[in-house]
Protein backbone atom coordinates (compact mmCIF):
# COMPACT_ATOMS: atom_id res chain seq x y z
CA MET A 1 42.40 -74.46 -56.48
CA THR A 2 46.25 -73.41 -56.25
CA ASP A 3 47.84 -72.05 -53.66
CA ASN A 4 48.59 -68.49 -53.52
CA ILE A 5 52.53 -68.07 -52.73
CA ASP A 6 54.37 -64.83 -52.98
CA SER A 7 57.00 -64.57 -56.39
CA THR A 8 59.66 -64.18 -53.64
CA SER A 9 59.08 -67.03 -51.40
CA ASP A 10 61.66 -69.92 -51.57
CA ALA A 11 58.02 -72.52 -51.84
CA ARG A 12 57.12 -71.03 -55.61
CA THR A 13 57.56 -74.08 -57.23
CA ILE A 14 54.73 -75.03 -55.47
CA ASN A 15 52.24 -73.82 -58.37
CA ASN A 16 54.22 -73.97 -61.11
CA VAL A 17 53.83 -76.67 -63.63
CA MET A 18 56.52 -75.77 -66.04
CA ARG A 19 59.71 -75.01 -64.33
CA HIS A 20 60.44 -78.08 -62.45
CA GLY A 21 63.70 -76.94 -60.24
CA TYR A 22 64.20 -73.45 -58.64
CA ARG A 23 67.15 -72.44 -56.93
CA VAL A 24 67.04 -70.29 -53.84
CA LEU A 25 67.53 -66.85 -54.22
CA SER A 26 69.92 -64.35 -52.11
CA ASP A 27 67.70 -61.78 -50.31
CA ALA A 28 69.61 -59.58 -52.95
CA GLU A 29 68.02 -61.27 -55.84
CA LYS A 30 64.45 -61.28 -54.03
CA ALA A 31 64.66 -57.50 -53.65
CA GLN A 32 65.66 -57.14 -57.37
CA MET A 33 62.78 -59.40 -58.46
CA GLN A 34 60.50 -57.64 -56.18
CA ARG A 35 61.50 -54.27 -57.01
CA LEU A 36 60.88 -55.22 -60.51
CA LYS A 37 57.60 -56.36 -59.88
CA ASP A 38 56.76 -53.04 -58.27
CA ASP A 39 58.23 -51.02 -60.88
CA GLY A 40 56.48 -52.33 -63.74
CA LEU A 41 52.90 -52.33 -62.02
CA ALA A 42 53.31 -48.86 -60.97
CA PHE A 43 54.23 -47.86 -65.05
CA TRP A 44 51.17 -50.12 -65.94
CA GLU A 45 48.99 -48.36 -63.84
CA TYR A 46 49.84 -45.07 -64.80
CA LEU A 47 49.15 -45.92 -68.23
CA ASP A 48 46.03 -47.27 -66.97
CA GLY A 49 45.07 -44.15 -65.57
CA ILE A 50 45.48 -41.70 -68.76
CA GLY A 51 43.08 -43.48 -71.16
CA SER A 52 42.54 -46.56 -73.40
CA SER A 53 43.37 -47.05 -76.54
CA ARG A 54 45.44 -49.89 -78.64
CA GLU A 55 48.83 -48.15 -78.42
CA LEU A 56 48.22 -48.31 -74.43
CA SER A 57 47.22 -51.84 -74.55
CA ILE A 58 50.27 -52.68 -76.75
CA ALA A 59 52.31 -50.90 -74.13
CA LYS A 60 50.83 -52.42 -70.82
CA THR A 61 51.47 -55.57 -72.56
CA LYS A 62 55.18 -54.95 -73.31
CA ILE A 63 55.44 -53.77 -69.88
CA GLU A 64 54.46 -57.49 -68.88
CA GLU A 65 56.71 -58.87 -71.04
CA ALA A 66 59.88 -56.67 -70.07
CA VAL A 67 58.90 -57.48 -66.44
CA MET A 68 59.10 -61.51 -67.34
CA TRP A 69 62.15 -61.38 -69.25
CA ALA A 70 63.94 -59.21 -66.33
CA VAL A 71 62.77 -61.34 -63.31
CA LYS A 72 64.22 -64.30 -65.56
CA HIS A 73 67.59 -63.06 -65.77
CA VAL A 74 67.23 -62.70 -62.10
CA THR A 75 65.92 -66.05 -61.15
CA ALA A 76 68.15 -68.06 -64.43
């Protein structure tokens, strides 16, 4: 079982097998990362509430991808 670590925590290296080194994020960067994830989730949940289709599935996948790349920018 893996530990459940908050993504804005300085201990976020514990459960990541791919990225072996992290830098400590500033409070502003932590806030940016949290907002990106919160806004992405809000949009994803909105789409989830308006129906089900191949198009919406693709849109939700693209939201996840956009959040991932934006977070990667903040944490680089």
